[in-house]
Amino acid sequence: MRKIVIAAVSIVTLGLAGCQGVDRNIAAPAAIGGLGGAAIGGAIGGDVEGALIGAGVGAAAGALVGAATNRPGECVYRDGRGQRYVAACPAGY
């Protein structure tokens, strides 16, 4: 039963992902993170479940890194309250 649920969730996720246009600067790091996470999760867990969890975590981390590096000339700062904001980088950075 668990395999059927995993397969169904995978099919729905892939179907929804196909509806959106993905930026290459996000898709490539997400794919690399997913593959690396699957390899590490499978090695640590020793089963398919560990590989699936590792792939999900790796893909999410890769997408976040790709999105963060997709802003040339802009830097991410924190204000006095700890909130993040994006602004132009200092000259020469």
PDB file of N, CA and C in Angstrom:
ATOM      1  N   MET A   1       0.824  -1.196   0.000  1.00  0.00           N
ATOM      2  CA  MET A   1       0.000   0.000   0.000  1.00  0.00           C
ATOM      3  C   MET A   1       0.868   1.259   0.000  1.00  0.00           C
ATOM      4  N   ARG A   2       1.954   1.205   0.743  1.00  0.00           N
ATOM      5  CA  ARG A   2       2.823   2.376   0.834  1.00  0.00           C
ATOM      6  C   ARG A   2       3.456   2.705  -0.521  1.00  0.00           C
ATOM      7  N   LYS A   3       3.799   1.670  -1.295  1.00  0.00           N
ATOM      8  CA  LYS A   3       4.386   1.898  -2.607  1.00  0.00           C
ATOM      9  C   LYS A   3       3.380   2.567  -3.543  1.00  0.00           C
ATOM     10  N   ILE A   4       2.118   2.211  -3.415  1.00  0.00           N
ATOM     11  CA  ILE A   4       1.076   2.822  -4.253  1.00  0.00           C
ATOM     12  C   ILE A   4       0.925   4.296  -3.911  1.00  0.00           C
ATOM     13  N   VAL A   5       0.968   4.627  -2.626  1.00  0.00           N
ATOM     14  CA  VAL A   5       0.846   6.021  -2.202  1.00  0.00           C
ATOM     15  C   VAL A   5       2.050   6.821  -2.696  1.00  0.00           C
ATOM     16  N   ILE A   6       3.252   6.270  -2.577  1.00  0.00           N
ATOM     17  CA  ILE A   6       4.452   6.968  -3.053  1.00  0.00           C
ATOM     18  C   ILE A   6       4.377   7.182  -4.556  1.00  0.00           C
ATOM     19  N   ALA A   7       3.931   6.167  -5.286  1.00  0.00           N
ATOM     20  CA  ALA A   7       3.807   6.304  -6.739  1.00  0.00           C
ATOM     21  C   ALA A   7       2.770   7.355  -7.103  1.00  0.00           C
ATOM     22  N   ALA A   8       1.641   7.371  -6.398  1.00  0.00           N
ATOM     23  CA  ALA A   8       0.591   8.357  -6.687  1.00  0.00           C
ATOM     24  C   ALA A   8       1.063   9.775  -6.406  1.00  0.00           C
ATOM     25  N   VAL A   9       1.740   9.967  -5.293  1.00  0.00           N
ATOM     26  CA  VAL A   9       2.255  11.295  -4.958  1.00  0.00           C
ATOM     27  C   VAL A   9       3.292  11.734  -5.994  1.00  0.00           C
ATOM     28  N   SER A  10       4.132  10.814  -6.429  1.00  0.00           N
ATOM     29  CA  SER A  10       5.130  11.146  -7.446  1.00  0.00           C
ATOM     30  C   SER A  10       4.486  11.553  -8.761  1.00  0.00           C
ATOM     31  N   ILE A  11       3.460  10.841  -9.171  1.00  0.00           N
ATOM     32  CA  ILE A  11       2.764  11.157 -10.423  1.00  0.00           C
ATOM     33  C   ILE A  11       2.103  12.526 -10.341  1.00  0.00           C
ATOM     34  N   VAL A  12       1.443  12.810  -9.233  1.00  0.00           N
ATOM     35  CA  VAL A  12       0.782  14.108  -9.069  1.00  0.00           C
ATOM     36  C   VAL A  12       1.813  15.230  -9.044  1.00  0.00           C
ATOM     37  N   THR A  13       2.908  15.020  -8.338  1.00  0.00           N
ATOM     38  CA  THR A  13       3.948  16.042  -8.262  1.00  0.00           C
ATOM     39  C   THR A  13       4.551  16.324  -9.633  1.00  0.00           C
ATOM     40  N   LEU A  14       4.854  15.287 -10.380  1.00  0.00           N
ATOM     41  CA  LEU A  14       5.412  15.476 -11.717  1.00  0.00           C
ATOM     42  C   LEU A  14       4.405  16.152 -12.643  1.00  0.00           C
ATOM     43  N   GLY A  15       3.134  15.806 -12.496  1.00  0.00           N
ATOM     44  CA  GLY A  15       2.107  16.439 -13.310  1.00  0.00           C
ATOM     45  C   GLY A  15       1.977  17.924 -13.024  1.00  0.00           C
ATOM     46  N   LEU A  16       2.019  18.289 -11.766  1.00  0.00           N
ATOM     47  CA  LEU A  16       1.940  19.706 -11.403  1.00  0.00           C
ATOM     48  C   LEU A  16       3.199  20.461 -11.797  1.00  0.00           C
ATOM     49  N   ALA A  17       4.336  19.815 -11.695  1.00  0.00           N
ATOM     50  CA  ALA A  17       5.586  20.472 -12.075  1.00  0.00           C
ATOM     51  C   ALA A  17       5.623  20.762 -13.564  1.00  0.00           C
ATOM     52  N   GLY A  18       4.971  19.947 -14.356  1.00  0.00           N
ATOM     53  CA  GLY A  18       4.942  20.165 -15.793  1.00  0.00           C
ATOM     54  C   GLY A  18       4.105  21.359 -16.204  1.00  0.00           C
ATOM     55  N   CYS A  19       3.284  21.882 -15.314  1.00  0.00           N
ATOM     56  CA  CYS A  19       2.423  23.015 -15.632  1.00  0.00           C
ATOM     57  C   CYS A  19       3.142  24.354 -15.528  1.00  0.00           C
ATOM     58  N   GLN A  20       4.307  24.373 -14.939  1.00  0.00           N
ATOM     59  CA  GLN A  20       5.007  25.628 -14.711  1.00  0.00           C
ATOM     60  C   GLN A  20       6.283  25.688 -15.528  1.00  0.00           C
ATOM     61  N   GLY A  21       6.604  26.874 -15.994  1.00  0.00           N
ATOM     62  CA  GLY A  21       7.885  27.070 -16.653  1.00  0.00           C
ATOM     63  C   GLY A  21       8.965  27.225 -15.589  1.00  0.00           C
ATOM     64  N   VAL A  22      10.042  26.493 -15.737  1.00  0.00           N
ATOM     65  CA  VAL A  22      11.092  26.514 -14.724  1.00  0.00           C
ATOM     66  C   VAL A  22      12.320  27.217 -15.291  1.00  0.00           C
ATOM     67  N   ASP A  23      12.882  28.075 -14.502  1.00  0.00           N
ATOM     68  CA  ASP A  23      14.105  28.771 -14.869  1.00  0.00           C
ATOM     69  C   ASP A  23      15.286  27.796 -14.789  1.00  0.00           C
ATOM     70  N   ARG A  24      16.180  27.854 -15.746  1.00  0.00           N
ATOM     71  CA  ARG A  24      17.342  26.958 -15.748  1.00  0.00           C
ATOM     72  C   ARG A  24      18.224  27.154 -14.533  1.00  0.00           C
ATOM     73  N   ASN A  25      18.284  28.366 -14.026  1.00  0.00           N
ATOM     74  CA  ASN A  25      19.126  28.632 -12.862  1.00  0.00           C
ATOM     75  C   ASN A  25      18.562  28.007 -11.596  1.00  0.00           C
ATOM     76  N   ILE A  26      17.334  27.548 -11.649  1.00  0.00           N
ATOM     77  CA  ILE A  26      16.740  26.860 -10.506  1.00  0.00           C
ATOM     78  C   ILE A  26      16.668  25.362 -10.779  1.00  0.00           C
ATOM     79  N   ALA A  27      16.329  24.985 -12.015  1.00  0.00           N
ATOM     80  CA  ALA A  27      16.124  23.575 -12.341  1.00  0.00           C
ATOM     81  C   ALA A  27      17.413  22.764 -12.258  1.00  0.00           C
ATOM     82  N   ALA A  28      18.501  23.282 -12.787  1.00  0.00           N
ATOM     83  CA  ALA A  28      19.753  22.521 -12.783  1.00  0.00           C
ATOM     84  C   ALA A  28      20.276  22.269 -11.365  1.00  0.00           C
ATOM     85  N   PRO A  29      20.341  23.292 -10.490  1.00  0.00           N
ATOM     86  CA  PRO A  29      20.780  22.993  -9.118  1.00  0.00           C
ATOM     87  C   PRO A  29      19.804  22.069  -8.376  1.00  0.00           C
ATOM     88  N   ALA A  30      18.514  22.180  -8.684  1.00  0.00           N
ATOM     89  CA  ALA A  30      17.545  21.292  -8.034  1.00  0.00           C
ATOM     90  C   ALA A  30      17.762  19.848  -8.476  1.00  0.00           C
ATOM     91  N   ALA A  31      18.027  19.642  -9.766  1.00  0.00           N
ATOM     92  CA  ALA A  31      18.276  18.288 -10.260  1.00  0.00           C
ATOM     93  C   ALA A  31      19.553  17.702  -9.664  1.00  0.00           C
ATOM     94  N   ILE A  32      20.595  18.510  -9.608  1.00  0.00           N
ATOM     95  CA  ILE A  32      21.859  18.035  -9.032  1.00  0.00           C
ATOM     96  C   ILE A  32      21.684  17.734  -7.546  1.00  0.00           C
ATOM     97  N   GLY A  33      20.981  18.613  -6.837  1.00  0.00           N
ATOM     98  CA  GLY A  33      20.720  18.376  -5.418  1.00  0.00           C
ATOM     99  C   GLY A  33      19.874  17.133  -5.194  1.00  0.00           C
ATOM    100  N   GLY A  34      18.896  16.924  -6.066  1.00  0.00           N
ATOM    101  CA  GLY A  34      18.042  15.738  -5.947  1.00  0.00           C
ATOM    102  C   GLY A  34      18.815  14.452  -6.163  1.00  0.00           C
ATOM    103  N   LEU A  35      19.673  14.436  -7.167  1.00  0.00           N
ATOM    104  CA  LEU A  35      20.481  13.236  -7.417  1.00  0.00           C
ATOM    105  C   LEU A  35      21.453  12.964  -6.277  1.00  0.00           C
ATOM    106  N   GLY A  36      22.114  14.027  -5.807  1.00  0.00           N
ATOM    107  CA  GLY A  36      23.032  13.860  -4.681  1.00  0.00           C
ATOM    108  C   GLY A  36      22.314  13.426  -3.420  1.00  0.00           C
ATOM    109  N   GLY A  37      21.162  14.041  -3.172  1.00  0.00           N
ATOM    110  CA  GLY A  37      20.385  13.667  -1.990  1.00  0.00           C
ATOM    111  C   GLY A  37      19.886  12.233  -2.054  1.00  0.00           C
ATOM    112  N   ALA A  38      19.486  11.790  -3.244  1.00  0.00           N
ATOM    113  CA  ALA A  38      19.032  10.404  -3.395  1.00  0.00           C
ATOM    114  C   ALA A  38      20.166   9.430  -3.132  1.00  0.00           C
ATOM    115  N   ALA A  39      21.358   9.761  -3.630  1.00  0.00           N
ATOM    116  CA  ALA A  39      22.504   8.883  -3.410  1.00  0.00           C
ATOM    117  C   ALA A  39      22.869   8.813  -1.927  1.00  0.00           C
ATOM    118  N   ILE A  40      22.895   9.962  -1.282  1.00  0.00           N
ATOM    119  CA  ILE A  40      23.245   9.984   0.141  1.00  0.00           C
ATOM    120  C   ILE A  40      22.149   9.325   0.980  1.00  0.00           C
ATOM    121  N   GLY A  41      20.881   9.655   0.684  1.00  0.00           N
ATOM    122  CA  GLY A  41      19.781   9.059   1.440  1.00  0.00           C
ATOM    123  C   GLY A  41      19.704   7.556   1.268  1.00  0.00           C
ATOM    124  N   GLY A  42      19.950   7.070   0.045  1.00  0.00           N
ATOM    125  CA  GLY A  42      19.950   5.631  -0.194  1.00  0.00           C
ATOM    126  C   GLY A  42      21.107   4.938   0.509  1.00  0.00           C
ATOM    127  N   ALA A  43      22.267   5.593   0.533  1.00  0.00           N
ATOM    128  CA  ALA A  43      23.427   5.000   1.197  1.00  0.00           C
ATOM    129  C   ALA A  43      23.242   4.946   2.703  1.00  0.00           C
ATOM    130  N   ILE A  44      22.670   6.015   3.262  1.00  0.00           N
ATOM    131  CA  ILE A  44      22.482   6.047   4.714  1.00  0.00           C
ATOM    132  C   ILE A  44      21.333   5.150   5.143  1.00  0.00           C
ATOM    133  N   GLY A  45      20.184   5.292   4.440  1.00  0.00           N
ATOM    134  CA  GLY A  45      19.012   4.519   4.819  1.00  0.00           C
ATOM    135  C   GLY A  45      19.052   3.085   4.339  1.00  0.00           C
ATOM    136  N   GLY A  46      19.723   2.837   3.226  1.00  0.00           N
ATOM    137  CA  GLY A  46      19.802   1.484   2.707  1.00  0.00           C
ATOM    138  C   GLY A  46      18.537   1.003   2.027  1.00  0.00           C
ATOM    139  N   ASP A  47      17.596   1.909   1.755  1.00  0.00           N
ATOM    140  CA  ASP A  47      16.365   1.502   1.091  1.00  0.00           C
ATOM    141  C   ASP A  47      15.848   2.624   0.198  1.00  0.00           C
ATOM    142  N   VAL A  48      14.752   2.334  -0.495  1.00  0.00           N
ATOM    143  CA  VAL A  48      14.175   3.299  -1.431  1.00  0.00           C
ATOM    144  C   VAL A  48      13.590   4.498  -0.692  1.00  0.00           C
ATOM    145  N   GLU A  49      13.031   4.269   0.475  1.00  0.00           N
ATOM    146  CA  GLU A  49      12.437   5.360   1.245  1.00  0.00           C
ATOM    147  C   GLU A  49      13.483   6.415   1.609  1.00  0.00           C
ATOM    148  N   GLY A  50      14.650   5.969   2.032  1.00  0.00           N
ATOM    149  CA  GLY A  50      15.733   6.901   2.347  1.00  0.00           C
ATOM    150  C   GLY A  50      16.171   7.675   1.126  1.00  0.00           C
ATOM    151  N   ALA A  51      16.205   6.998  -0.031  1.00  0.00           N
ATOM    152  CA  ALA A  51      16.585   7.674  -1.270  1.00  0.00           C
ATOM    153  C   ALA A  51      15.549   8.711  -1.674  1.00  0.00           C
ATOM    154  N   LEU A  52      14.261   8.402  -1.501  1.00  0.00           N
ATOM    155  CA  LEU A  52      13.204   9.360  -1.842  1.00  0.00           C
ATOM    156  C   LEU A  52      13.243  10.585  -0.934  1.00  0.00           C
ATOM    157  N   ILE A  53      13.444  10.356   0.339  1.00  0.00           N
ATOM    158  CA  ILE A  53      13.526  11.480   1.280  1.00  0.00           C
ATOM    159  C   ILE A  53      14.757  12.329   0.956  1.00  0.00           C
ATOM    160  N   GLY A  54      15.888  11.680   0.715  1.00  0.00           N
ATOM    161  CA  GLY A  54      17.105  12.408   0.367  1.00  0.00           C
ATOM    162  C   GLY A  54      16.951  13.186  -0.923  1.00  0.00           C
ATOM    163  N   ALA A  55      16.264  12.601  -1.909  1.00  0.00           N
ATOM    164  CA  ALA A  55      16.042  13.294  -3.177  1.00  0.00           C
ATOM    165  C   ALA A  55      15.182  14.533  -2.981  1.00  0.00           C
ATOM    166  N   GLY A  56      14.154  14.426  -2.165  1.00  0.00           N
ATOM    167  CA  GLY A  56      13.283  15.579  -1.905  1.00  0.00           C
ATOM    168  C   GLY A  56      14.014  16.709  -1.203  1.00  0.00           C
ATOM    169  N   VAL A  57      14.763  16.357  -0.180  1.00  0.00           N
ATOM    170  CA  VAL A  57      15.512  17.369   0.566  1.00  0.00           C
ATOM    171  C   VAL A  57      16.602  17.987  -0.311  1.00  0.00           C
ATOM    172  N   GLY A  58      17.302  17.156  -1.072  1.00  0.00           N
ATOM    173  CA  GLY A  58      18.355  17.654  -1.947  1.00  0.00           C
ATOM    174  C   GLY A  58      17.827  18.553  -3.051  1.00  0.00           C
ATOM    175  N   ALA A  59      16.684  18.183  -3.629  1.00  0.00           N
ATOM    176  CA  ALA A  59      16.095  19.008  -4.686  1.00  0.00           C
ATOM    177  C   ALA A  59      15.639  20.354  -4.143  1.00  0.00           C
ATOM    178  N   ALA A  60      15.034  20.347  -2.963  1.00  0.00           N
ATOM    179  CA  ALA A  60      14.588  21.604  -2.364  1.00  0.00           C
ATOM    180  C   ALA A  60      15.781  22.503  -2.043  1.00  0.00           C
ATOM    181  N   ALA A  61      16.828  21.922  -1.482  1.00  0.00           N
ATOM    182  CA  ALA A  61      18.018  22.718  -1.161  1.00  0.00           C
ATOM    183  C   ALA A  61      18.675  23.253  -2.429  1.00  0.00           C
ATOM    184  N   GLY A  62      18.751  22.429  -3.456  1.00  0.00           N
ATOM    185  CA  GLY A  62      19.337  22.875  -4.716  1.00  0.00           C
ATOM    186  C   GLY A  62      18.543  23.999  -5.353  1.00  0.00           C
ATOM    187  N   ALA A  63      17.222  23.911  -5.282  1.00  0.00           N
ATOM    188  CA  ALA A  63      16.379  24.970  -5.837  1.00  0.00           C
ATOM    189  C   ALA A  63      16.566  26.276  -5.075  1.00  0.00           C
ATOM    190  N   LEU A  64      16.687  26.189  -3.761  1.00  0.00           N
ATOM    191  CA  LEU A  64      16.912  27.398  -2.959  1.00  0.00           C
ATOM    192  C   LEU A  64      18.255  28.037  -3.276  1.00  0.00           C
ATOM    193  N   VAL A  65      19.280  27.214  -3.424  1.00  0.00           N
ATOM    194  CA  VAL A  65      20.603  27.750  -3.759  1.00  0.00           C
ATOM    195  C   VAL A  65      20.572  28.372  -5.153  1.00  0.00           C
ATOM    196  N   GLY A  66      19.929  27.700  -6.100  1.00  0.00           N
ATOM    197  CA  GLY A  66      19.833  28.234  -7.451  1.00  0.00           C
ATOM    198  C   GLY A  66      19.087  29.547  -7.501  1.00  0.00           C
ATOM    199  N   ALA A  67      18.014  29.653  -6.745  1.00  0.00           N
ATOM    200  CA  ALA A  67      17.242  30.898  -6.718  1.00  0.00           C
ATOM    201  C   ALA A  67      18.025  32.020  -6.060  1.00  0.00           C
ATOM    202  N   ALA A  68      18.808  31.687  -5.055  1.00  0.00           N
ATOM    203  CA  ALA A  68      19.571  32.712  -4.341  1.00  0.00           C
ATOM    204  C   ALA A  68      20.711  33.264  -5.189  1.00  0.00           C
ATOM    205  N   THR A  69      21.224  32.459  -6.088  1.00  0.00           N
ATOM    206  CA  THR A  69      22.348  32.909  -6.910  1.00  0.00           C
ATOM    207  C   THR A  69      21.902  33.460  -8.256  1.00  0.00           C
ATOM    208  N   ASN A  70      20.626  33.673  -8.420  1.00  0.00           N
ATOM    209  CA  ASN A  70      20.070  34.106  -9.700  1.00  0.00           C
ATOM    210  C   ASN A  70      19.899  35.619  -9.775  1.00  0.00           C
ATOM    211  N   ARG A  71      20.533  36.368  -8.930  1.00  0.00           N
ATOM    212  CA  ARG A  71      20.370  37.825  -8.906  1.00  0.00           C
ATOM    213  C   ARG A  71      21.712  38.513  -9.030  1.00  0.00           C
ATOM    214  N   PRO A  72      22.240  38.631 -10.232  1.00  0.00           N
ATOM    215  CA  PRO A  72      23.536  39.299 -10.366  1.00  0.00           C
ATOM    216  C   PRO A  72      23.444  40.777  -9.996  1.00  0.00           C
ATOM    217  N   GLY A  73      24.400  41.243  -9.224  1.00  0.00           N
ATOM    218  CA  GLY A  73      24.423  42.642  -8.818  1.00  0.00           C
ATOM    219  C   GLY A  73      23.555  42.960  -7.622  1.00  0.00           C
ATOM    220  N   GLU A  74      22.876  41.952  -7.078  1.00  0.00           N
ATOM    221  CA  GLU A  74      22.033  42.161  -5.894  1.00  0.00           C
ATOM    222  C   GLU A  74      22.533  41.284  -4.765  1.00  0.00           C
ATOM    223  N   CYS A  75      22.480  41.824  -3.562  1.00  0.00           N
ATOM    224  CA  CYS A  75      22.910  41.093  -2.373  1.00  0.00           C
ATOM    225  C   CYS A  75      21.745  40.994  -1.394  1.00  0.00           C
ATOM    226  N   VAL A  76      21.807  39.996  -0.536  1.00  0.00           N
ATOM    227  CA  VAL A  76      20.778  39.808   0.490  1.00  0.00           C
ATOM    228  C   VAL A  76      21.343  40.317   1.807  1.00  0.00           C
ATOM    229  N   TYR A  77      20.593  41.188   2.460  1.00  0.00           N
ATOM    230  CA  TYR A  77      20.994  41.782   3.737  1.00  0.00           C
ATOM    231  C   TYR A  77      19.974  41.464   4.813  1.00  0.00           C
ATOM    232  N   ARG A  78      20.350  41.699   6.065  1.00  0.00           N
ATOM    233  CA  ARG A  78      19.417  41.608   7.200  1.00  0.00           C
ATOM    234  C   ARG A  78      19.398  42.950   7.906  1.00  0.00           C
ATOM    235  N   ASP A  79      18.205  43.377   8.253  1.00  0.00           N
ATOM    236  CA  ASP A  79      18.106  44.647   8.984  1.00  0.00           C
ATOM    237  C   ASP A  79      18.227  44.383  10.489  1.00  0.00           C
ATOM    238  N   GLY A  80      18.051  45.420  11.290  1.00  0.00           N
ATOM    239  CA  GLY A  80      18.199  45.314  12.738  1.00  0.00           C
ATOM    240  C   GLY A  80      17.207  44.376  13.394  1.00  0.00           C
ATOM    241  N   ARG A  81      16.075  44.117  12.738  1.00  0.00           N
ATOM    242  CA  ARG A  81      15.065  43.201  13.283  1.00  0.00           C
ATOM    243  C   ARG A  81      15.234  41.776  12.790  1.00  0.00           C
ATOM    244  N   GLY A  82      16.268  41.554  11.969  1.00  0.00           N
ATOM    245  CA  GLY A  82      16.529  40.211  11.471  1.00  0.00           C
ATOM    246  C   GLY A  82      15.799  39.862  10.185  1.00  0.00           C
ATOM    247  N   GLN A  83      15.080  40.802   9.598  1.00  0.00           N
ATOM    248  CA  GLN A  83      14.361  40.534   8.363  1.00  0.00           C
ATOM    249  C   GLN A  83      15.299  40.662   7.172  1.00  0.00           C
ATOM    250  N   ARG A  84      15.136  39.786   6.207  1.00  0.00           N
ATOM    251  CA  ARG A  84      15.989  39.799   5.017  1.00  0.00           C
ATOM    252  C   ARG A  84      15.405  40.730   3.966  1.00  0.00           C
ATOM    253  N   TYR A  85      16.294  41.380   3.216  1.00  0.00           N
ATOM    254  CA  TYR A  85      15.873  42.192   2.078  1.00  0.00           C
ATOM    255  C   TYR A  85      16.984  42.165   1.025  1.00  0.00           C
ATOM    256  N   VAL A  86      16.597  42.457  -0.212  1.00  0.00           N
ATOM    257  CA  VAL A  86      17.530  42.445  -1.334  1.00  0.00           C
ATOM    258  C   VAL A  86      17.764  43.865  -1.781  1.00  0.00           C
ATOM    259  N   ALA A  87      19.036  44.202  -1.986  1.00  0.00           N
ATOM    260  CA  ALA A  87      19.408  45.539  -2.463  1.00  0.00           C
ATOM    261  C   ALA A  87      20.660  45.414  -3.315  1.00  0.00           C
ATOM    262  N   ALA A  88      21.007  46.491  -3.989  1.00  0.00           N
ATOM    263  CA  ALA A  88      22.210  46.495  -4.833  1.00  0.00           C
ATOM    264  C   ALA A  88      23.445  46.243  -3.985  1.00  0.00           C
ATOM    265  N   CYS A  89      24.368  45.481  -4.544  1.00  0.00           N
ATOM    266  CA  CYS A  89      25.628  45.174  -3.840  1.00  0.00           C
ATOM    267  C   CYS A  89      26.502  46.422  -3.795  1.00  0.00           C
ATOM    268  N   PRO A  90      27.410  46.488  -2.821  1.00  0.00           N
ATOM    269  CA  PRO A  90      28.335  47.632  -2.767  1.00  0.00           C
ATOM    270  C   PRO A  90      29.210  47.678  -4.023  1.00  0.00           C
ATOM    271  N   ALA A  91      29.728  48.840  -4.332  1.00  0.00           N
ATOM    272  CA  ALA A  91      30.585  49.003  -5.501  1.00  0.00           C
ATOM    273  C   ALA A  91      31.814  48.112  -5.400  1.00  0.00           C
ATOM    274  N   GLY A  92      32.138  47.446  -6.487  1.00  0.00           N
ATOM    275  CA  GLY A  92      33.301  46.570  -6.516  1.00  0.00           C
ATOM    276  C   GLY A  92      33.079  45.190  -5.941  1.00  0.00           C
ATOM    277  N   TYR A  93      31.865  44.854  -5.616  1.00  0.00           N
ATOM    278  CA  TYR A  93      31.581  43.551  -5.021  1.00  0.00           C
ATOM    279  C   TYR A  93      31.265  42.539  -6.079  1.00  0.00           C
TER     280      TYR A  93
END
